[in-house]
Amino acid sequence: MENLVEQMDVLLHGFCQPLTVLQCRLALGELSGEPSAMREAIGAALGECARLNQKIDAMREMLQRAELQDR
């Protein structure tokens, strides 16, 4: 179980950078007010969302494996 906690801690820590990038990209696009800047910010934000979803999927798989081992 300790190994699972350590792995989850690493994955949760990995959320910080993509979330910060997501927030900054959108804020910069909004500040610019130009349609091209907003499109670029949205595109970059979508990429960061994909990265976050990959981390969430990895966490789900770990939890499912741990649940199966506990049975």
PDB file of N, CA and C in Angstrom:
ATOM      1  N   MET A   1       0.820  -1.196   0.000  1.00  0.00           N
ATOM      2  CA  MET A   1       0.000   0.000   0.000  1.00  0.00           C
ATOM      3  C   MET A   1       0.869   1.267   0.000  1.00  0.00           C
ATOM      4  N   GLU A   2       2.031   1.212   0.702  1.00  0.00           N
ATOM      5  CA  GLU A   2       2.915   2.372   0.751  1.00  0.00           C
ATOM      6  C   GLU A   2       3.413   2.732  -0.640  1.00  0.00           C
ATOM      7  N   ASN A   3       3.712   1.723  -1.443  1.00  0.00           N
ATOM      8  CA  ASN A   3       4.162   1.964  -2.808  1.00  0.00           C
ATOM      9  C   ASN A   3       3.087   2.703  -3.607  1.00  0.00           C
ATOM     10  N   LEU A   4       1.840   2.308  -3.431  1.00  0.00           N
ATOM     11  CA  LEU A   4       0.729   2.975  -4.118  1.00  0.00           C
ATOM     12  C   LEU A   4       0.643   4.436  -3.691  1.00  0.00           C
ATOM     13  N   VAL A   5       0.787   4.689  -2.407  1.00  0.00           N
ATOM     14  CA  VAL A   5       0.720   6.062  -1.904  1.00  0.00           C
ATOM     15  C   VAL A   5       1.848   6.890  -2.510  1.00  0.00           C
ATOM     16  N   GLU A   6       3.039   6.338  -2.575  1.00  0.00           N
ATOM     17  CA  GLU A   6       4.173   7.049  -3.170  1.00  0.00           C
ATOM     18  C   GLU A   6       3.926   7.340  -4.647  1.00  0.00           C
ATOM     19  N   GLN A   7       3.405   6.350  -5.357  1.00  0.00           N
ATOM     20  CA  GLN A   7       3.121   6.545  -6.779  1.00  0.00           C
ATOM     21  C   GLN A   7       2.054   7.607  -6.990  1.00  0.00           C
ATOM     22  N   MET A   8       1.023   7.583  -6.167  1.00  0.00           N
ATOM     23  CA  MET A   8      -0.041   8.581  -6.277  1.00  0.00           C
ATOM     24  C   MET A   8       0.499   9.973  -5.947  1.00  0.00           C
ATOM     25  N   ASP A   9       1.390  10.059  -4.960  1.00  0.00           N
ATOM     26  CA  ASP A   9       1.990  11.330  -4.600  1.00  0.00           C
ATOM     27  C   ASP A   9       2.776  11.908  -5.772  1.00  0.00           C
ATOM     28  N   VAL A  10       3.530  11.074  -6.458  1.00  0.00           N
ATOM     29  CA  VAL A  10       4.297  11.524  -7.625  1.00  0.00           C
ATOM     30  C   VAL A  10       3.363  12.013  -8.722  1.00  0.00           C
ATOM     31  N   LEU A  11       2.307  11.261  -8.989  1.00  0.00           N
ATOM     32  CA  LEU A  11       1.363  11.666 -10.028  1.00  0.00           C
ATOM     33  C   LEU A  11       0.637  12.959  -9.658  1.00  0.00           C
ATOM     34  N   LEU A  12       0.226  13.080  -8.408  1.00  0.00           N
ATOM     35  CA  LEU A  12      -0.447  14.312  -7.984  1.00  0.00           C
ATOM     36  C   LEU A  12       0.488  15.510  -8.080  1.00  0.00           C
ATOM     37  N   HIS A  13       1.737  15.316  -7.717  1.00  0.00           N
ATOM     38  CA  HIS A  13       2.716  16.394  -7.859  1.00  0.00           C
ATOM     39  C   HIS A  13       2.861  16.790  -9.334  1.00  0.00           C
ATOM     40  N   GLY A  14       2.731  15.806 -10.213  1.00  0.00           N
ATOM     41  CA  GLY A  14       2.834  16.062 -11.644  1.00  0.00           C
ATOM     42  C   GLY A  14       1.702  16.910 -12.197  1.00  0.00           C
ATOM     43  N   PHE A  15       0.649  17.108 -11.437  1.00  0.00           N
ATOM     44  CA  PHE A  15      -0.464  17.953 -11.870  1.00  0.00           C
ATOM     45  C   PHE A  15      -0.108  19.438 -11.800  1.00  0.00           C
ATOM     46  N   CYS A  16       0.801  19.789 -10.918  1.00  0.00           N
ATOM     47  CA  CYS A  16       1.100  21.209 -10.675  1.00  0.00           C
ATOM     48  C   CYS A  16       1.569  21.931 -11.930  1.00  0.00           C
ATOM     49  N   GLN A  17       2.552  21.392 -12.607  1.00  0.00           N
ATOM     50  CA  GLN A  17       3.109  22.090 -13.765  1.00  0.00           C
ATOM     51  C   GLN A  17       2.098  22.235 -14.901  1.00  0.00           C
ATOM     52  N   PRO A  18       1.400  21.166 -15.316  1.00  0.00           N
ATOM     53  CA  PRO A  18       0.412  21.359 -16.384  1.00  0.00           C
ATOM     54  C   PRO A  18      -0.714  22.327 -16.004  1.00  0.00           C
ATOM     55  N   LEU A  19      -1.141  22.305 -14.750  1.00  0.00           N
ATOM     56  CA  LEU A  19      -2.199  23.228 -14.327  1.00  0.00           C
ATOM     57  C   LEU A  19      -1.715  24.679 -14.351  1.00  0.00           C
ATOM     58  N   THR A  20      -0.479  24.902 -13.939  1.00  0.00           N
ATOM     59  CA  THR A  20       0.078  26.251 -13.974  1.00  0.00           C
ATOM     60  C   THR A  20       0.208  26.738 -15.412  1.00  0.00           C
ATOM     61  N   VAL A  21       0.692  25.865 -16.296  1.00  0.00           N
ATOM     62  CA  VAL A  21       0.822  26.225 -17.715  1.00  0.00           C
ATOM     63  C   VAL A  21      -0.553  26.537 -18.295  1.00  0.00           C
ATOM     64  N   LEU A  22      -1.516  25.705 -17.999  1.00  0.00           N
ATOM     65  CA  LEU A  22      -2.887  25.908 -18.475  1.00  0.00           C
ATOM     66  C   LEU A  22      -3.408  27.276 -18.041  1.00  0.00           C
ATOM     67  N   GLN A  23      -3.268  27.576 -16.774  1.00  0.00           N
ATOM     68  CA  GLN A  23      -3.758  28.846 -16.244  1.00  0.00           C
ATOM     69  C   GLN A  23      -3.032  30.030 -16.882  1.00  0.00           C
ATOM     70  N   CYS A  24      -1.718  29.946 -16.992  1.00  0.00           N
ATOM     71  CA  CYS A  24      -0.941  31.056 -17.556  1.00  0.00           C
ATOM     72  C   CYS A  24      -1.252  31.274 -19.036  1.00  0.00           C
ATOM     73  N   ARG A  25      -1.348  30.196 -19.795  1.00  0.00           N
ATOM     74  CA  ARG A  25      -1.645  30.337 -21.225  1.00  0.00           C
ATOM     75  C   ARG A  25      -2.983  31.030 -21.445  1.00  0.00           C
ATOM     76  N   LEU A  26      -3.982  30.587 -20.699  1.00  0.00           N
ATOM     77  CA  LEU A  26      -5.298  31.189 -20.857  1.00  0.00           C
ATOM     78  C   LEU A  26      -5.305  32.646 -20.399  1.00  0.00           C
ATOM     79  N   ALA A  27      -4.609  32.942 -19.312  1.00  0.00           N
ATOM     80  CA  ALA A  27      -4.556  34.318 -18.822  1.00  0.00           C
ATOM     81  C   ALA A  27      -3.846  35.225 -19.828  1.00  0.00           C
ATOM     82  N   LEU A  28      -2.750  34.754 -20.414  1.00  0.00           N
ATOM     83  CA  LEU A  28      -2.033  35.560 -21.402  1.00  0.00           C
ATOM     84  C   LEU A  28      -2.876  35.789 -22.653  1.00  0.00           C
ATOM     85  N   GLY A  29      -3.573  34.760 -23.099  1.00  0.00           N
ATOM     86  CA  GLY A  29      -4.452  34.909 -24.257  1.00  0.00           C
ATOM     87  C   GLY A  29      -5.558  35.906 -23.988  1.00  0.00           C
ATOM     88  N   GLU A  30      -6.095  35.857 -22.791  1.00  0.00           N
ATOM     89  CA  GLU A  30      -7.168  36.777 -22.408  1.00  0.00           C
ATOM     90  C   GLU A  30      -6.655  38.216 -22.340  1.00  0.00           C
ATOM     91  N   LEU A  31      -5.456  38.394 -21.797  1.00  0.00           N
ATOM     92  CA  LEU A  31      -4.880  39.740 -21.691  1.00  0.00           C
ATOM     93  C   LEU A  31      -4.635  40.363 -23.054  1.00  0.00           C
ATOM     94  N   SER A  32      -4.228  39.540 -24.000  1.00  0.00           N
ATOM     95  CA  SER A  32      -3.928  40.043 -25.338  1.00  0.00           C
ATOM     96  C   SER A  32      -5.184  40.579 -26.013  1.00  0.00           C
ATOM     97  N   GLY A  33      -6.246  39.832 -25.893  1.00  0.00           N
ATOM     98  CA  GLY A  33      -7.505  40.245 -26.506  1.00  0.00           C
ATOM     99  C   GLY A  33      -7.571  40.018 -28.007  1.00  0.00           C
ATOM    100  N   GLU A  34      -6.487  39.545 -28.603  1.00  0.00           N
ATOM    101  CA  GLU A  34      -6.492  39.282 -30.046  1.00  0.00           C
ATOM    102  C   GLU A  34      -6.998  37.863 -30.307  1.00  0.00           C
ATOM    103  N   PRO A  35      -7.835  37.703 -31.329  1.00  0.00           N
ATOM    104  CA  PRO A  35      -8.377  36.374 -31.624  1.00  0.00           C
ATOM    105  C   PRO A  35      -7.284  35.315 -31.852  1.00  0.00           C
ATOM    106  N   SER A  36      -6.207  35.665 -32.526  1.00  0.00           N
ATOM    107  CA  SER A  36      -5.158  34.672 -32.777  1.00  0.00           C
ATOM    108  C   SER A  36      -4.476  34.246 -31.479  1.00  0.00           C
ATOM    109  N   ALA A  37      -4.300  35.186 -30.549  1.00  0.00           N
ATOM    110  CA  ALA A  37      -3.698  34.856 -29.259  1.00  0.00           C
ATOM    111  C   ALA A  37      -4.617  33.943 -28.459  1.00  0.00           C
ATOM    112  N   MET A  38      -5.907  34.216 -28.526  1.00  0.00           N
ATOM    113  CA  MET A  38      -6.859  33.359 -27.818  1.00  0.00           C
ATOM    114  C   MET A  38      -6.891  31.958 -28.415  1.00  0.00           C
ATOM    115  N   ARG A  39      -6.861  31.863 -29.755  1.00  0.00           N
ATOM    116  CA  ARG A  39      -6.843  30.547 -30.392  1.00  0.00           C
ATOM    117  C   ARG A  39      -5.608  29.769 -29.981  1.00  0.00           C
ATOM    118  N   GLU A  40      -4.459  30.451 -29.964  1.00  0.00           N
ATOM    119  CA  GLU A  40      -3.216  29.794 -29.554  1.00  0.00           C
ATOM    120  C   GLU A  40      -3.295  29.339 -28.101  1.00  0.00           C
ATOM    121  N   ALA A  41      -3.838  30.205 -27.235  1.00  0.00           N
ATOM    122  CA  ALA A  41      -3.972  29.870 -25.817  1.00  0.00           C
ATOM    123  C   ALA A  41      -4.905  28.679 -25.627  1.00  0.00           C
ATOM    124  N   ILE A  42      -5.985  28.654 -26.364  1.00  0.00           N
ATOM    125  CA  ILE A  42      -6.935  27.542 -26.259  1.00  0.00           C
ATOM    126  C   ILE A  42      -6.290  26.247 -26.744  1.00  0.00           C
ATOM    127  N   GLY A  43      -5.551  26.315 -27.840  1.00  0.00           N
ATOM    128  CA  GLY A  43      -4.859  25.126 -28.344  1.00  0.00           C
ATOM    129  C   GLY A  43      -3.860  24.585 -27.340  1.00  0.00           C
ATOM    130  N   ALA A  44      -3.075  25.474 -26.744  1.00  0.00           N
ATOM    131  CA  ALA A  44      -2.103  25.052 -25.731  1.00  0.00           C
ATOM    132  C   ALA A  44      -2.808  24.494 -24.501  1.00  0.00           C
ATOM    133  N   ALA A  45      -3.906  25.116 -24.108  1.00  0.00           N
ATOM    134  CA  ALA A  45      -4.668  24.650 -22.950  1.00  0.00           C
ATOM    135  C   ALA A  45      -5.241  23.255 -23.192  1.00  0.00           C
ATOM    136  N   LEU A  46      -5.699  23.011 -24.396  1.00  0.00           N
ATOM    137  CA  LEU A  46      -6.210  21.679 -24.720  1.00  0.00           C
ATOM    138  C   LEU A  46      -5.106  20.626 -24.618  1.00  0.00           C
ATOM    139  N   GLY A  47      -3.899  20.985 -25.034  1.00  0.00           N
ATOM    140  CA  GLY A  47      -2.765  20.070 -24.893  1.00  0.00           C
ATOM    141  C   GLY A  47      -2.472  19.761 -23.436  1.00  0.00           C
ATOM    142  N   GLU A  48      -2.534  20.778 -22.583  1.00  0.00           N
ATOM    143  CA  GLU A  48      -2.306  20.561 -21.160  1.00  0.00           C
ATOM    144  C   GLU A  48      -3.420  19.715 -20.549  1.00  0.00           C
ATOM    145  N   CYS A  49      -4.646  19.903 -21.007  1.00  0.00           N
ATOM    146  CA  CYS A  49      -5.765  19.068 -20.530  1.00  0.00           C
ATOM    147  C   CYS A  49      -5.521  17.602 -20.885  1.00  0.00           C
ATOM    148  N   ALA A  50      -5.003  17.356 -22.073  1.00  0.00           N
ATOM    149  CA  ALA A  50      -4.690  15.974 -22.479  1.00  0.00           C
ATOM    150  C   ALA A  50      -3.630  15.383 -21.554  1.00  0.00           C
ATOM    151  N   ARG A  51      -2.613  16.171 -21.212  1.00  0.00           N
ATOM    152  CA  ARG A  51      -1.572  15.698 -20.285  1.00  0.00           C
ATOM    153  C   ARG A  51      -2.167  15.343 -18.931  1.00  0.00           C
ATOM    154  N   LEU A  52      -3.063  16.179 -18.443  1.00  0.00           N
ATOM    155  CA  LEU A  52      -3.696  15.928 -17.148  1.00  0.00           C
ATOM    156  C   LEU A  52      -4.561  14.673 -17.189  1.00  0.00           C
ATOM    157  N   ASN A  53      -5.285  14.488 -18.276  1.00  0.00           N
ATOM    158  CA  ASN A  53      -6.120  13.292 -18.406  1.00  0.00           C
ATOM    159  C   ASN A  53      -5.280  12.022 -18.427  1.00  0.00           C
ATOM    160  N   GLN A  54      -4.099  12.076 -19.012  1.00  0.00           N
ATOM    161  CA  GLN A  54      -3.203  10.910 -19.005  1.00  0.00           C
ATOM    162  C   GLN A  54      -2.799  10.564 -17.575  1.00  0.00           C
ATOM    163  N   LYS A  55      -2.504  11.573 -16.784  1.00  0.00           N
ATOM    164  CA  LYS A  55      -2.136  11.336 -15.384  1.00  0.00           C
ATOM    165  C   LYS A  55      -3.313  10.755 -14.595  1.00  0.00           C
ATOM    166  N   ILE A  56      -4.494  11.256 -14.839  1.00  0.00           N
ATOM    167  CA  ILE A  56      -5.682  10.732 -14.165  1.00  0.00           C
ATOM    168  C   ILE A  56      -5.919   9.277 -14.555  1.00  0.00           C
ATOM    169  N   ASP A  57      -5.761   8.956 -15.831  1.00  0.00           N
ATOM    170  CA  ASP A  57      -5.917   7.572 -16.280  1.00  0.00           C
ATOM    171  C   ASP A  57      -4.907   6.658 -15.590  1.00  0.00           C
ATOM    172  N   ALA A  58      -3.666   7.125 -15.444  1.00  0.00           N
ATOM    173  CA  ALA A  58      -2.639   6.325 -14.769  1.00  0.00           C
ATOM    174  C   ALA A  58      -3.019   6.087 -13.309  1.00  0.00           C
ATOM    175  N   MET A  59      -3.563   7.106 -12.664  1.00  0.00           N
ATOM    176  CA  MET A  59      -3.985   6.951 -11.270  1.00  0.00           C
ATOM    177  C   MET A  59      -5.136   5.952 -11.155  1.00  0.00           C
ATOM    178  N   ARG A  60      -6.076   6.026 -12.058  1.00  0.00           N
ATOM    179  CA  ARG A  60      -7.201   5.077 -12.041  1.00  0.00           C
ATOM    180  C   ARG A  60      -6.709   3.643 -12.196  1.00  0.00           C
ATOM    181  N   GLU A  61      -5.781   3.431 -13.130  1.00  0.00           N
ATOM    182  CA  GLU A  61      -5.241   2.083 -13.351  1.00  0.00           C
ATOM    183  C   GLU A  61      -4.539   1.568 -12.101  1.00  0.00           C
ATOM    184  N   MET A  62      -3.763   2.418 -11.445  1.00  0.00           N
ATOM    185  CA  MET A  62      -3.080   2.000 -10.215  1.00  0.00           C
ATOM    186  C   MET A  62      -4.075   1.616  -9.136  1.00  0.00           C
ATOM    187  N   LEU A  63      -5.117   2.415  -8.985  1.00  0.00           N
ATOM    188  CA  LEU A  63      -6.124   2.119  -7.967  1.00  0.00           C
ATOM    189  C   LEU A  63      -6.874   0.829  -8.279  1.00  0.00           C
ATOM    190  N   GLN A  64      -7.164   0.601  -9.550  1.00  0.00           N
ATOM    191  CA  GLN A  64      -7.844  -0.636  -9.931  1.00  0.00           C
ATOM    192  C   GLN A  64      -6.967  -1.852  -9.654  1.00  0.00           C
ATOM    193  N   ARG A  65      -5.660  -1.750  -9.966  1.00  0.00           N
ATOM    194  CA  ARG A  65      -4.751  -2.856  -9.687  1.00  0.00           C
ATOM    195  C   ARG A  65      -4.653  -3.118  -8.183  1.00  0.00           C
ATOM    196  N   ALA A  66      -4.591  -2.047  -7.392  1.00  0.00           N
ATOM    197  CA  ALA A  66      -4.511  -2.187  -5.936  1.00  0.00           C
ATOM    198  C   ALA A  66      -5.782  -2.832  -5.400  1.00  0.00           C
ATOM    199  N   GLU A  67      -6.918  -2.452  -5.947  1.00  0.00           N
ATOM    200  CA  GLU A  67      -8.190  -3.029  -5.512  1.00  0.00           C
ATOM    201  C   GLU A  67      -8.230  -4.517  -5.816  1.00  0.00           C
ATOM    202  N   LEU A  68      -7.750  -4.914  -6.980  1.00  0.00           N
ATOM    203  CA  LEU A  68      -7.732  -6.334  -7.352  1.00  0.00           C
ATOM    204  C   LEU A  68      -6.778  -7.124  -6.447  1.00  0.00           C
ATOM    205  N   GLN A  69      -5.671  -6.535  -6.048  1.00  0.00           N
ATOM    206  CA  GLN A  69      -4.712  -7.213  -5.180  1.00  0.00           C
ATOM    207  C   GLN A  69      -5.266  -7.405  -3.776  1.00  0.00           C
ATOM    208  N   ASP A  70      -6.139  -6.500  -3.351  1.00  0.00           N
ATOM    209  CA  ASP A  70      -6.714  -6.585  -2.004  1.00  0.00           C
ATOM    210  C   ASP A  70      -7.779  -7.667  -1.903  1.00  0.00           C
ATOM    211  N   ARG A  71      -8.236  -8.146  -3.015  1.00  0.00           N
ATOM    212  CA  ARG A  71      -9.312  -9.159  -2.987  1.00  0.00           C
ATOM    213  C   ARG A  71      -8.786 -10.507  -2.638  1.00  0.00           C
TER     214      ARG A  71
END
